N, C-alpha and C. Protein backbone atom coordinates (compact mmCIF):
# COMPACT_ATOMS: atom_id res chain seq x y z
N UNK A 1 5.94 4.85 4.31
CA UNK A 1 7.28 5.40 4.04
C UNK A 1 7.40 6.77 4.68
N UNK A 2 8.49 7.00 5.37
CA UNK A 2 8.70 8.28 6.01
C UNK A 2 8.88 9.37 4.97
N UNK A 3 8.40 10.55 5.32
CA UNK A 3 8.51 11.67 4.40
C UNK A 3 9.97 11.95 4.09
N UNK A 4 10.30 12.04 2.80
CA UNK A 4 11.66 12.34 2.40
C UNK A 4 12.51 11.10 2.18
N UNK A 5 12.02 9.92 2.59
CA UNK A 5 12.77 8.69 2.43
C UNK A 5 12.53 8.12 1.04
N UNK A 6 13.61 7.81 0.33
CA UNK A 6 13.50 7.32 -1.04
C UNK A 6 13.82 5.83 -1.08
N UNK A 7 12.95 5.05 -1.71
CA UNK A 7 13.21 3.64 -1.91
C UNK A 7 14.10 3.46 -3.14
N UNK A 8 14.78 2.32 -3.21
CA UNK A 8 15.68 2.06 -4.32
C UNK A 8 15.39 0.70 -4.94
N UNK A 9 15.29 0.66 -6.26
CA UNK A 9 15.18 -0.59 -7.00
C UNK A 9 16.53 -0.82 -7.69
N UNK A 10 17.26 -1.83 -7.21
CA UNK A 10 18.59 -2.11 -7.75
C UNK A 10 18.49 -3.17 -8.84
N UNK A 11 19.16 -2.92 -9.97
CA UNK A 11 19.11 -3.86 -11.09
C UNK A 11 20.50 -4.09 -11.67
N UNK A 12 20.67 -5.29 -12.18
CA UNK A 12 21.87 -5.66 -12.95
C UNK A 12 21.38 -5.96 -14.37
N UNK A 13 22.01 -5.36 -15.35
CA UNK A 13 21.58 -5.53 -16.74
C UNK A 13 22.65 -6.25 -17.54
N UNK A 14 22.25 -7.35 -18.17
CA UNK A 14 23.13 -8.08 -19.09
C UNK A 14 22.41 -8.19 -20.43
N UNK A 15 23.16 -7.99 -21.52
CA UNK A 15 22.54 -8.01 -22.85
C UNK A 15 23.47 -8.65 -23.87
N UNK A 16 22.92 -8.85 -25.08
CA UNK A 16 23.67 -9.53 -26.14
C UNK A 16 24.78 -8.66 -26.73
N UNK A 17 24.49 -7.37 -26.89
CA UNK A 17 25.49 -6.46 -27.47
C UNK A 17 25.45 -5.13 -26.73
N UNK A 18 26.51 -4.34 -26.89
CA UNK A 18 26.60 -3.05 -26.21
C UNK A 18 25.48 -2.11 -26.64
N UNK A 19 25.09 -2.20 -27.90
CA UNK A 19 24.02 -1.34 -28.40
C UNK A 19 22.70 -1.57 -27.67
N UNK A 20 22.44 -2.82 -27.33
CA UNK A 20 21.22 -3.15 -26.58
C UNK A 20 21.27 -2.54 -25.19
N UNK A 21 22.43 -2.63 -24.54
CA UNK A 21 22.58 -2.06 -23.20
C UNK A 21 22.34 -0.56 -23.24
N UNK A 22 22.91 0.11 -24.23
CA UNK A 22 22.75 1.56 -24.34
C UNK A 22 21.28 1.93 -24.55
N UNK A 23 20.58 1.16 -25.40
CA UNK A 23 19.17 1.44 -25.67
C UNK A 23 18.31 1.22 -24.42
N UNK A 24 18.62 0.13 -23.69
CA UNK A 24 17.86 -0.18 -22.47
C UNK A 24 18.09 0.89 -21.41
N UNK A 25 19.34 1.24 -21.18
CA UNK A 25 19.66 2.25 -20.15
C UNK A 25 19.06 3.61 -20.50
N UNK A 26 19.09 3.95 -21.79
CA UNK A 26 18.52 5.22 -22.23
C UNK A 26 17.02 5.27 -21.94
N UNK A 27 16.34 4.15 -22.17
CA UNK A 27 14.89 4.10 -21.93
C UNK A 27 14.58 4.11 -20.43
N UNK A 28 15.40 3.40 -19.65
CA UNK A 28 15.16 3.34 -18.20
C UNK A 28 15.40 4.69 -17.53
N UNK A 29 16.32 5.48 -18.09
CA UNK A 29 16.61 6.80 -17.51
C UNK A 29 15.40 7.74 -17.61
N UNK A 30 14.49 7.43 -18.53
CA UNK A 30 13.31 8.28 -18.71
C UNK A 30 12.21 7.96 -17.70
N UNK A 31 12.37 6.84 -16.97
CA UNK A 31 11.40 6.49 -15.93
C UNK A 31 11.83 7.20 -14.65
N UNK A 32 11.04 8.16 -14.23
CA UNK A 32 11.44 8.95 -13.06
C UNK A 32 10.37 8.92 -11.98
N UNK A 33 10.83 9.00 -10.74
CA UNK A 33 9.94 9.08 -9.59
C UNK A 33 10.69 9.73 -8.45
N UNK A 34 10.01 10.61 -7.73
CA UNK A 34 10.63 11.26 -6.58
C UNK A 34 10.69 10.33 -5.37
N UNK A 35 9.95 9.20 -5.44
CA UNK A 35 9.87 8.28 -4.31
C UNK A 35 10.76 7.05 -4.47
N UNK A 36 11.03 6.67 -5.72
CA UNK A 36 11.81 5.45 -5.98
C UNK A 36 12.95 5.75 -6.94
N UNK A 37 14.15 5.36 -6.53
CA UNK A 37 15.34 5.54 -7.37
C UNK A 37 15.67 4.23 -8.06
N UNK A 38 15.89 4.28 -9.37
CA UNK A 38 16.34 3.12 -10.12
C UNK A 38 17.87 3.15 -10.17
N UNK A 39 18.49 2.14 -9.58
CA UNK A 39 19.95 2.10 -9.47
C UNK A 39 20.49 0.92 -10.28
N UNK A 40 21.12 1.22 -11.43
CA UNK A 40 21.75 0.18 -12.25
C UNK A 40 23.15 -0.04 -11.68
N UNK A 41 23.31 -1.09 -10.88
CA UNK A 41 24.58 -1.28 -10.17
C UNK A 41 25.64 -1.97 -11.03
N UNK A 42 25.20 -2.62 -12.11
CA UNK A 42 26.16 -3.26 -13.02
C UNK A 42 25.49 -3.50 -14.36
N UNK A 43 26.26 -3.37 -15.43
CA UNK A 43 25.76 -3.69 -16.77
C UNK A 43 26.90 -4.26 -17.59
N UNK A 44 26.57 -5.21 -18.47
CA UNK A 44 27.62 -5.83 -19.26
C UNK A 44 27.06 -6.70 -20.36
N UNK A 45 27.94 -7.09 -21.27
CA UNK A 45 27.58 -7.94 -22.41
C UNK A 45 27.89 -9.39 -22.07
N UNK A 46 26.98 -10.30 -22.47
CA UNK A 46 27.21 -11.72 -22.27
C UNK A 46 26.17 -12.37 -21.38
N UNK A 47 26.28 -13.69 -21.25
CA UNK A 47 25.34 -14.46 -20.45
C UNK A 47 25.39 -14.05 -18.97
N UNK A 48 24.31 -14.35 -18.27
CA UNK A 48 24.27 -14.09 -16.83
C UNK A 48 25.16 -15.12 -16.14
N UNK A 49 26.16 -14.62 -15.43
CA UNK A 49 27.19 -15.49 -14.85
C UNK A 49 27.01 -15.66 -13.34
N UNK A 50 27.85 -16.53 -12.79
CA UNK A 50 27.83 -16.76 -11.35
C UNK A 50 28.16 -15.47 -10.60
N UNK A 51 29.10 -14.68 -11.12
CA UNK A 51 29.47 -13.43 -10.46
C UNK A 51 28.32 -12.43 -10.47
N UNK A 52 27.51 -12.44 -11.53
CA UNK A 52 26.32 -11.57 -11.58
C UNK A 52 25.34 -11.94 -10.47
N UNK A 53 25.14 -13.24 -10.30
CA UNK A 53 24.21 -13.72 -9.28
C UNK A 53 24.73 -13.39 -7.88
N UNK A 54 26.03 -13.57 -7.66
CA UNK A 54 26.60 -13.27 -6.35
C UNK A 54 26.48 -11.78 -6.03
N UNK A 55 26.66 -10.94 -7.05
CA UNK A 55 26.49 -9.49 -6.86
C UNK A 55 25.04 -9.16 -6.52
N UNK A 56 24.12 -9.84 -7.19
CA UNK A 56 22.69 -9.62 -6.92
C UNK A 56 22.34 -10.01 -5.49
N UNK A 57 22.93 -11.11 -5.02
CA UNK A 57 22.69 -11.55 -3.64
C UNK A 57 23.21 -10.52 -2.65
N UNK A 58 24.43 -10.06 -2.89
CA UNK A 58 25.08 -9.12 -1.97
C UNK A 58 24.37 -7.77 -1.93
N UNK A 59 23.83 -7.35 -3.06
CA UNK A 59 23.24 -6.01 -3.16
C UNK A 59 21.71 -6.01 -3.16
N UNK A 60 21.11 -7.23 -3.08
CA UNK A 60 19.65 -7.36 -3.12
C UNK A 60 19.08 -6.74 -4.39
N UNK A 61 19.69 -7.11 -5.51
CA UNK A 61 19.27 -6.58 -6.81
C UNK A 61 18.55 -7.66 -7.61
N UNK A 62 17.82 -7.23 -8.63
CA UNK A 62 17.25 -8.17 -9.59
C UNK A 62 18.12 -8.13 -10.84
N UNK A 63 18.13 -9.24 -11.56
CA UNK A 63 18.95 -9.33 -12.78
C UNK A 63 18.03 -9.31 -13.99
N UNK A 64 18.37 -8.46 -14.94
CA UNK A 64 17.60 -8.35 -16.17
C UNK A 64 18.49 -8.75 -17.33
N UNK A 65 18.02 -9.73 -18.10
CA UNK A 65 18.78 -10.19 -19.26
C UNK A 65 18.03 -9.92 -20.54
N UNK A 66 18.75 -9.45 -21.56
CA UNK A 66 18.12 -9.17 -22.86
C UNK A 66 18.87 -9.91 -23.96
N UNK A 67 18.16 -10.82 -24.62
CA UNK A 67 18.74 -11.55 -25.74
C UNK A 67 19.87 -12.49 -25.36
N UNK A 68 19.91 -12.90 -24.10
CA UNK A 68 20.97 -13.79 -23.62
C UNK A 68 20.38 -14.87 -22.71
N UNK A 69 21.24 -15.82 -22.29
CA UNK A 69 20.80 -16.88 -21.40
C UNK A 69 21.50 -16.81 -20.06
N UNK A 70 21.37 -17.89 -19.29
CA UNK A 70 21.97 -17.97 -17.95
C UNK A 70 22.92 -19.16 -17.91
N UNK A 71 24.11 -18.96 -17.42
CA UNK A 71 25.04 -20.06 -17.24
C UNK A 71 24.47 -21.03 -16.21
N UNK A 72 24.70 -22.33 -16.42
CA UNK A 72 24.07 -23.36 -15.59
C UNK A 72 24.37 -23.20 -14.10
N UNK A 73 25.63 -22.94 -13.75
CA UNK A 73 25.99 -22.77 -12.34
C UNK A 73 25.30 -21.54 -11.75
N UNK A 74 25.23 -20.48 -12.54
CA UNK A 74 24.56 -19.25 -12.09
C UNK A 74 23.08 -19.52 -11.85
N UNK A 75 22.48 -20.32 -12.71
CA UNK A 75 21.06 -20.64 -12.58
C UNK A 75 20.79 -21.44 -11.31
N UNK A 76 21.69 -22.37 -10.99
CA UNK A 76 21.55 -23.19 -9.78
C UNK A 76 21.59 -22.31 -8.52
N UNK A 77 22.57 -21.41 -8.49
CA UNK A 77 22.72 -20.53 -7.32
C UNK A 77 21.51 -19.59 -7.20
N UNK A 78 21.08 -19.06 -8.34
CA UNK A 78 19.95 -18.13 -8.34
C UNK A 78 18.69 -18.79 -7.80
N UNK A 79 18.45 -20.04 -8.19
CA UNK A 79 17.27 -20.76 -7.70
C UNK A 79 17.39 -21.05 -6.21
N UNK A 80 18.59 -21.44 -5.78
CA UNK A 80 18.80 -21.78 -4.37
C UNK A 80 18.65 -20.55 -3.47
N UNK A 81 19.12 -19.41 -3.96
CA UNK A 81 19.09 -18.18 -3.16
C UNK A 81 17.90 -17.28 -3.50
N UNK A 82 17.06 -17.76 -4.41
CA UNK A 82 15.84 -17.04 -4.81
C UNK A 82 16.15 -15.64 -5.36
N UNK A 83 17.15 -15.59 -6.20
CA UNK A 83 17.47 -14.34 -6.89
C UNK A 83 16.52 -14.19 -8.07
N UNK A 84 15.93 -13.02 -8.19
CA UNK A 84 14.97 -12.78 -9.28
C UNK A 84 15.73 -12.46 -10.57
N UNK A 85 15.49 -13.28 -11.59
CA UNK A 85 16.09 -13.06 -12.90
C UNK A 85 14.98 -12.98 -13.94
N UNK A 86 15.01 -11.92 -14.74
CA UNK A 86 13.99 -11.73 -15.77
C UNK A 86 14.69 -11.67 -17.13
N UNK A 87 14.22 -12.49 -18.06
CA UNK A 87 14.82 -12.54 -19.40
C UNK A 87 13.84 -11.99 -20.43
N UNK A 88 14.37 -11.23 -21.37
CA UNK A 88 13.52 -10.58 -22.38
C UNK A 88 14.15 -10.68 -23.77
N UNK A 89 13.26 -10.59 -24.76
CA UNK A 89 13.72 -10.49 -26.15
C UNK A 89 13.14 -9.25 -26.82
N UNK A 90 12.25 -8.56 -26.10
CA UNK A 90 11.63 -7.33 -26.60
C UNK A 90 11.88 -6.21 -25.58
N UNK A 91 12.52 -5.13 -26.02
CA UNK A 91 12.88 -4.05 -25.10
C UNK A 91 11.64 -3.42 -24.47
N UNK A 92 10.57 -3.27 -25.25
CA UNK A 92 9.35 -2.65 -24.71
C UNK A 92 8.84 -3.41 -23.49
N UNK A 93 8.85 -4.74 -23.56
CA UNK A 93 8.37 -5.55 -22.43
C UNK A 93 9.28 -5.38 -21.22
N UNK A 94 10.57 -5.29 -21.46
CA UNK A 94 11.54 -5.08 -20.38
C UNK A 94 11.26 -3.76 -19.66
N UNK A 95 11.12 -2.69 -20.44
CA UNK A 95 10.88 -1.37 -19.86
C UNK A 95 9.55 -1.34 -19.11
N UNK A 96 8.53 -1.97 -19.70
CA UNK A 96 7.20 -2.00 -19.08
C UNK A 96 7.24 -2.70 -17.72
N UNK A 97 7.98 -3.80 -17.63
CA UNK A 97 8.07 -4.54 -16.37
C UNK A 97 8.85 -3.77 -15.31
N UNK A 98 9.92 -3.10 -15.70
CA UNK A 98 10.69 -2.29 -14.74
C UNK A 98 9.82 -1.14 -14.23
N UNK A 99 9.08 -0.53 -15.13
CA UNK A 99 8.17 0.55 -14.73
C UNK A 99 7.15 0.05 -13.73
N UNK A 100 6.59 -1.15 -13.98
CA UNK A 100 5.60 -1.74 -13.07
C UNK A 100 6.23 -2.05 -11.71
N UNK A 101 7.49 -2.49 -11.72
CA UNK A 101 8.19 -2.79 -10.47
C UNK A 101 8.38 -1.53 -9.64
N UNK A 102 8.71 -0.42 -10.31
CA UNK A 102 8.87 0.86 -9.61
C UNK A 102 7.53 1.32 -9.06
N UNK A 103 6.47 1.19 -9.86
CA UNK A 103 5.13 1.59 -9.40
C UNK A 103 4.71 0.77 -8.19
N UNK A 104 5.15 -0.50 -8.13
CA UNK A 104 4.81 -1.35 -7.00
C UNK A 104 5.46 -0.90 -5.70
N UNK A 105 6.53 -0.11 -5.80
CA UNK A 105 7.22 0.41 -4.62
C UNK A 105 6.68 1.76 -4.17
N UNK A 106 5.86 2.39 -5.00
CA UNK A 106 5.32 3.70 -4.65
C UNK A 106 4.29 3.57 -3.53
N UNK A 107 4.31 4.51 -2.62
CA UNK A 107 3.31 4.53 -1.56
C UNK A 107 1.95 4.89 -2.17
N UNK A 108 0.90 4.11 -1.86
CA UNK A 108 -0.41 4.42 -2.44
C UNK A 108 -0.95 5.76 -1.93
N UNK A 109 -1.76 6.38 -2.75
CA UNK A 109 -2.44 7.61 -2.34
C UNK A 109 -3.66 7.24 -1.50
N UNK A 110 -3.81 7.89 -0.35
CA UNK A 110 -4.94 7.61 0.53
C UNK A 110 -6.06 8.61 0.26
N UNK A 111 -7.23 8.08 -0.10
CA UNK A 111 -8.39 8.93 -0.36
C UNK A 111 -9.44 8.67 0.72
N UNK A 112 -9.81 9.72 1.45
CA UNK A 112 -10.83 9.62 2.50
C UNK A 112 -12.10 10.32 2.03
N UNK A 113 -13.20 9.58 2.01
CA UNK A 113 -14.48 10.13 1.59
C UNK A 113 -15.43 10.17 2.78
N UNK A 114 -15.95 11.34 3.08
CA UNK A 114 -16.88 11.50 4.20
C UNK A 114 -18.17 10.73 3.93
N UNK A 115 -18.59 9.91 4.91
CA UNK A 115 -19.82 9.14 4.76
C UNK A 115 -20.96 9.66 5.63
N UNK A 116 -20.64 10.00 6.87
CA UNK A 116 -21.73 10.43 7.74
C UNK A 116 -21.25 10.94 9.09
N UNK A 117 -22.23 11.46 9.84
CA UNK A 117 -21.92 12.04 11.16
C UNK A 117 -23.04 11.65 12.14
N UNK A 118 -22.64 11.41 13.38
CA UNK A 118 -23.62 11.09 14.42
C UNK A 118 -23.25 11.80 15.70
N UNK A 119 -24.27 12.09 16.52
CA UNK A 119 -24.03 12.72 17.82
C UNK A 119 -24.37 11.73 18.92
N UNK A 120 -23.48 11.66 19.92
CA UNK A 120 -23.70 10.75 21.04
C UNK A 120 -24.75 11.36 21.97
N UNK A 121 -25.83 10.63 22.20
CA UNK A 121 -26.92 11.11 23.07
C UNK A 121 -26.91 10.40 24.42
N UNK A 122 -26.45 9.14 24.43
CA UNK A 122 -26.37 8.36 25.66
C UNK A 122 -25.16 7.44 25.59
N UNK A 123 -24.70 6.99 26.76
CA UNK A 123 -23.59 6.04 26.80
C UNK A 123 -23.99 4.85 27.67
N UNK A 124 -23.77 3.64 27.15
CA UNK A 124 -24.13 2.42 27.86
C UNK A 124 -22.89 1.55 28.06
N UNK A 125 -22.89 0.78 29.12
CA UNK A 125 -21.82 -0.19 29.32
C UNK A 125 -22.40 -1.58 29.18
N UNK A 126 -21.85 -2.34 28.23
CA UNK A 126 -22.29 -3.71 27.99
C UNK A 126 -21.12 -4.63 28.29
N UNK A 127 -21.36 -5.64 29.11
CA UNK A 127 -20.27 -6.47 29.63
C UNK A 127 -19.36 -7.05 28.55
N UNK A 128 -19.93 -7.52 27.44
CA UNK A 128 -19.12 -8.17 26.41
C UNK A 128 -18.40 -7.18 25.50
N UNK A 129 -18.93 -5.96 25.40
CA UNK A 129 -18.41 -5.01 24.42
C UNK A 129 -17.75 -3.77 25.04
N UNK A 130 -17.98 -3.52 26.31
CA UNK A 130 -17.48 -2.29 26.91
C UNK A 130 -18.48 -1.17 26.71
N UNK A 131 -17.99 0.04 26.47
CA UNK A 131 -18.86 1.20 26.34
C UNK A 131 -19.44 1.28 24.92
N UNK A 132 -20.74 1.55 24.87
CA UNK A 132 -21.44 1.69 23.59
C UNK A 132 -22.11 3.06 23.55
N UNK A 133 -21.94 3.74 22.43
CA UNK A 133 -22.51 5.08 22.28
C UNK A 133 -23.90 4.98 21.64
N UNK A 134 -24.90 5.50 22.37
CA UNK A 134 -26.24 5.61 21.80
C UNK A 134 -26.31 6.91 21.01
N UNK A 135 -26.50 6.81 19.70
CA UNK A 135 -26.32 7.97 18.82
C UNK A 135 -27.54 8.26 17.96
N UNK A 136 -27.59 9.50 17.49
CA UNK A 136 -28.52 9.90 16.44
C UNK A 136 -27.68 10.26 15.22
N UNK A 137 -28.00 9.63 14.10
CA UNK A 137 -27.28 9.94 12.86
C UNK A 137 -27.82 11.26 12.33
N UNK A 138 -26.97 12.27 12.28
CA UNK A 138 -27.41 13.61 11.88
C UNK A 138 -27.10 13.94 10.42
N UNK A 139 -26.24 13.13 9.81
CA UNK A 139 -25.92 13.39 8.39
C UNK A 139 -25.37 12.12 7.75
N UNK A 140 -25.81 11.85 6.53
CA UNK A 140 -25.25 10.74 5.76
C UNK A 140 -25.59 9.38 6.32
N UNK A 141 -24.58 8.51 6.39
CA UNK A 141 -24.78 7.13 6.81
C UNK A 141 -23.60 6.67 7.67
N UNK A 142 -23.90 5.87 8.70
CA UNK A 142 -22.88 5.27 9.55
C UNK A 142 -22.73 3.82 9.11
N UNK A 143 -21.50 3.39 8.86
CA UNK A 143 -21.25 2.06 8.29
C UNK A 143 -20.34 1.25 9.22
N UNK A 144 -20.76 0.04 9.54
CA UNK A 144 -19.95 -0.84 10.38
C UNK A 144 -18.63 -1.18 9.68
N UNK A 145 -17.52 -1.11 10.43
CA UNK A 145 -16.22 -1.43 9.88
C UNK A 145 -15.51 -0.25 9.24
N UNK A 146 -16.23 0.88 9.11
CA UNK A 146 -15.64 2.06 8.46
C UNK A 146 -14.67 2.76 9.41
N UNK A 147 -13.80 3.60 8.82
CA UNK A 147 -12.90 4.41 9.64
C UNK A 147 -13.70 5.51 10.31
N UNK A 148 -13.32 5.83 11.54
CA UNK A 148 -14.08 6.82 12.30
C UNK A 148 -13.14 7.73 13.06
N UNK A 149 -13.59 8.97 13.25
CA UNK A 149 -12.91 9.86 14.19
C UNK A 149 -13.95 10.45 15.12
N UNK A 150 -13.56 10.57 16.39
CA UNK A 150 -14.47 11.12 17.39
C UNK A 150 -13.95 12.49 17.81
N UNK A 151 -14.84 13.48 17.78
CA UNK A 151 -14.48 14.84 18.15
C UNK A 151 -15.15 15.22 19.46
N UNK A 152 -14.38 15.87 20.31
CA UNK A 152 -14.89 16.42 21.56
C UNK A 152 -14.43 17.86 21.65
N UNK A 153 -15.38 18.78 21.73
CA UNK A 153 -15.05 20.21 21.69
C UNK A 153 -14.22 20.56 20.45
N UNK A 154 -14.61 19.95 19.33
CA UNK A 154 -14.01 20.19 18.01
C UNK A 154 -12.58 19.66 17.87
N UNK A 155 -12.12 18.88 18.84
CA UNK A 155 -10.79 18.26 18.77
C UNK A 155 -10.93 16.75 18.60
N UNK A 156 -10.10 16.18 17.73
CA UNK A 156 -10.14 14.74 17.50
C UNK A 156 -9.50 14.03 18.69
N UNK A 157 -10.27 13.15 19.34
CA UNK A 157 -9.75 12.42 20.50
C UNK A 157 -9.54 10.94 20.20
N UNK A 158 -10.04 10.48 19.05
CA UNK A 158 -9.88 9.06 18.71
C UNK A 158 -10.01 8.88 17.21
N UNK A 159 -9.16 8.04 16.65
CA UNK A 159 -9.33 7.58 15.27
C UNK A 159 -9.20 6.06 15.29
N UNK A 160 -10.08 5.40 14.58
CA UNK A 160 -10.07 3.94 14.57
C UNK A 160 -11.18 3.43 13.68
N UNK A 161 -11.83 2.36 14.12
CA UNK A 161 -12.89 1.77 13.32
C UNK A 161 -14.13 1.48 14.17
N UNK A 162 -15.26 1.39 13.48
CA UNK A 162 -16.51 1.01 14.14
C UNK A 162 -16.52 -0.50 14.28
N UNK A 163 -16.51 -0.96 15.53
CA UNK A 163 -16.43 -2.39 15.80
C UNK A 163 -17.80 -3.05 15.78
N UNK A 164 -18.81 -2.32 16.27
CA UNK A 164 -20.17 -2.87 16.28
C UNK A 164 -21.16 -1.75 15.99
N UNK A 165 -22.24 -2.12 15.32
CA UNK A 165 -23.29 -1.16 14.97
C UNK A 165 -24.64 -1.85 15.12
N UNK A 166 -25.51 -1.26 15.94
CA UNK A 166 -26.79 -1.90 16.20
C UNK A 166 -27.96 -0.92 16.09
N UNK A 167 -29.10 -1.49 15.67
CA UNK A 167 -30.39 -0.80 15.74
C UNK A 167 -31.21 -1.59 16.73
N UNK A 168 -31.46 -1.00 17.89
CA UNK A 168 -32.07 -1.72 19.01
C UNK A 168 -31.15 -2.89 19.37
N UNK A 169 -31.59 -4.14 19.25
CA UNK A 169 -30.73 -5.27 19.61
C UNK A 169 -30.14 -5.97 18.39
N UNK A 170 -30.47 -5.48 17.21
CA UNK A 170 -30.03 -6.15 15.98
C UNK A 170 -28.75 -5.52 15.43
N UNK A 171 -27.80 -6.37 15.08
CA UNK A 171 -26.59 -5.89 14.40
C UNK A 171 -26.95 -5.54 12.96
N UNK A 172 -26.47 -4.39 12.51
CA UNK A 172 -26.77 -3.94 11.14
C UNK A 172 -25.48 -3.48 10.46
N UNK A 173 -25.52 -3.40 9.14
CA UNK A 173 -24.35 -2.97 8.37
C UNK A 173 -24.25 -1.45 8.30
N UNK A 174 -25.42 -0.79 8.30
CA UNK A 174 -25.40 0.67 8.21
C UNK A 174 -26.67 1.26 8.80
N UNK A 175 -26.56 2.53 9.20
CA UNK A 175 -27.72 3.27 9.72
C UNK A 175 -27.69 4.65 9.08
N UNK A 176 -28.84 5.06 8.56
CA UNK A 176 -28.90 6.32 7.81
C UNK A 176 -29.40 7.49 8.65
N UNK A 177 -29.25 8.65 8.06
CA UNK A 177 -29.63 9.92 8.70
C UNK A 177 -31.05 9.89 9.25
N UNK A 178 -31.20 10.40 10.48
CA UNK A 178 -32.52 10.47 11.09
C UNK A 178 -32.87 9.29 11.97
N UNK A 179 -31.98 8.29 12.02
CA UNK A 179 -32.24 7.10 12.83
C UNK A 179 -31.24 7.01 13.99
N UNK A 180 -31.68 6.32 15.05
CA UNK A 180 -30.81 6.10 16.20
C UNK A 180 -30.06 4.78 16.05
N UNK A 181 -28.92 4.69 16.72
CA UNK A 181 -28.14 3.45 16.66
C UNK A 181 -27.20 3.37 17.85
N UNK A 182 -26.67 2.18 18.08
CA UNK A 182 -25.65 1.98 19.10
C UNK A 182 -24.33 1.65 18.42
N UNK A 183 -23.27 2.37 18.80
CA UNK A 183 -21.97 2.20 18.14
C UNK A 183 -20.91 1.81 19.17
N UNK A 184 -20.17 0.76 18.85
CA UNK A 184 -19.03 0.35 19.67
C UNK A 184 -17.76 0.53 18.86
N UNK A 185 -16.67 0.89 19.54
CA UNK A 185 -15.43 1.22 18.85
C UNK A 185 -14.31 0.25 19.23
N UNK A 186 -13.40 0.06 18.32
CA UNK A 186 -12.27 -0.82 18.56
C UNK A 186 -11.27 -0.16 19.52
N UNK A 187 -11.07 -0.77 20.68
CA UNK A 187 -10.08 -0.32 21.68
C UNK A 187 -10.31 1.12 22.15
N UNK A 188 -11.57 1.48 22.36
CA UNK A 188 -11.86 2.83 22.87
C UNK A 188 -13.14 2.80 23.69
N UNK A 189 -13.04 3.26 24.94
CA UNK A 189 -14.21 3.27 25.83
C UNK A 189 -14.51 4.64 26.42
N UNK A 190 -13.64 5.61 26.16
CA UNK A 190 -13.82 6.94 26.77
C UNK A 190 -14.79 7.79 25.97
N UNK A 191 -15.97 7.27 25.74
CA UNK A 191 -16.97 7.98 24.96
C UNK A 191 -17.88 8.77 25.90
N UNK A 192 -18.27 9.97 25.48
CA UNK A 192 -19.10 10.82 26.34
C UNK A 192 -20.26 11.42 25.54
N UNK A 193 -21.31 11.77 26.26
CA UNK A 193 -22.47 12.43 25.64
C UNK A 193 -22.01 13.73 24.98
N UNK A 194 -22.56 14.00 23.80
CA UNK A 194 -22.27 15.18 22.96
C UNK A 194 -21.01 15.02 22.10
N UNK A 195 -20.28 13.90 22.25
CA UNK A 195 -19.18 13.66 21.31
C UNK A 195 -19.76 13.53 19.90
N UNK A 196 -18.98 13.95 18.92
CA UNK A 196 -19.39 13.87 17.52
C UNK A 196 -18.59 12.76 16.83
N UNK A 197 -19.30 11.90 16.13
CA UNK A 197 -18.66 10.78 15.43
C UNK A 197 -18.74 11.03 13.93
N UNK A 198 -17.59 11.05 13.29
CA UNK A 198 -17.54 11.23 11.84
C UNK A 198 -16.97 9.97 11.20
N UNK A 199 -17.63 9.53 10.14
CA UNK A 199 -17.29 8.25 9.51
C UNK A 199 -16.80 8.49 8.08
N UNK A 200 -15.75 7.73 7.71
CA UNK A 200 -15.13 7.90 6.39
C UNK A 200 -14.91 6.55 5.71
N UNK A 201 -14.95 6.60 4.39
CA UNK A 201 -14.51 5.47 3.58
C UNK A 201 -13.08 5.76 3.14
N UNK A 202 -12.18 4.82 3.39
CA UNK A 202 -10.76 5.01 3.06
C UNK A 202 -10.39 4.10 1.90
N UNK A 203 -9.82 4.69 0.86
CA UNK A 203 -9.37 3.93 -0.31
C UNK A 203 -7.89 4.15 -0.53
N UNK A 204 -7.20 3.07 -0.86
CA UNK A 204 -5.79 3.17 -1.26
C UNK A 204 -5.73 3.10 -2.78
N UNK A 205 -5.22 4.16 -3.38
CA UNK A 205 -5.16 4.25 -4.84
C UNK A 205 -3.71 4.11 -5.28
N UNK A 206 -3.44 3.11 -6.10
CA UNK A 206 -2.07 2.88 -6.57
C UNK A 206 -1.63 4.03 -7.47
N UNK A 207 -0.41 4.48 -7.23
CA UNK A 207 0.14 5.56 -8.05
C UNK A 207 0.73 4.99 -9.34
N UNK A 208 0.67 5.80 -10.38
CA UNK A 208 1.25 5.43 -11.67
C UNK A 208 2.30 6.47 -12.07
N UNK A 209 3.28 6.01 -12.80
CA UNK A 209 4.32 6.93 -13.29
C UNK A 209 3.84 7.65 -14.54
């Protein structure tokens, strides 16, 4: 998601009585996020009707019903057009599900954990793989498939992943500090002696409200 861009969750609320609508809306207003806006585009008393479904189709909204049912024609159209309709009899469950839906739209937090560093000592060209960096692991551990950045004169010249990792001729999952290894990178061949390779573990952490 671009910085400053806000996502919107559009909902239509139908309930058995006006008091239920007021209680639901009051609870939903307390769910806040700077990244996702909850937009109640329509609310009303009574069963979910054909017009409710048509509005949901036009506005790409979900329909939430509390203590009510769905008119047969509305149900047919909703199934045909795959309109999401959620029915509840307990307000807590309704609020909990809307909160979860908003959390599902939040951009995950990216956590990068440093794993290891290696220095390029030699460069080899292998016909099937392209350029391979002969390295000495100077800190931590180098892990195949991990995210990597390559620095040259302290500037990052490549970010990507470790495509291949070898000890002598054997493919390995990891190589620890003090050992030599051969590293191949995904879509990158401009590797040079003295380049520094830093390896990270990247985790996506779901945000909660």
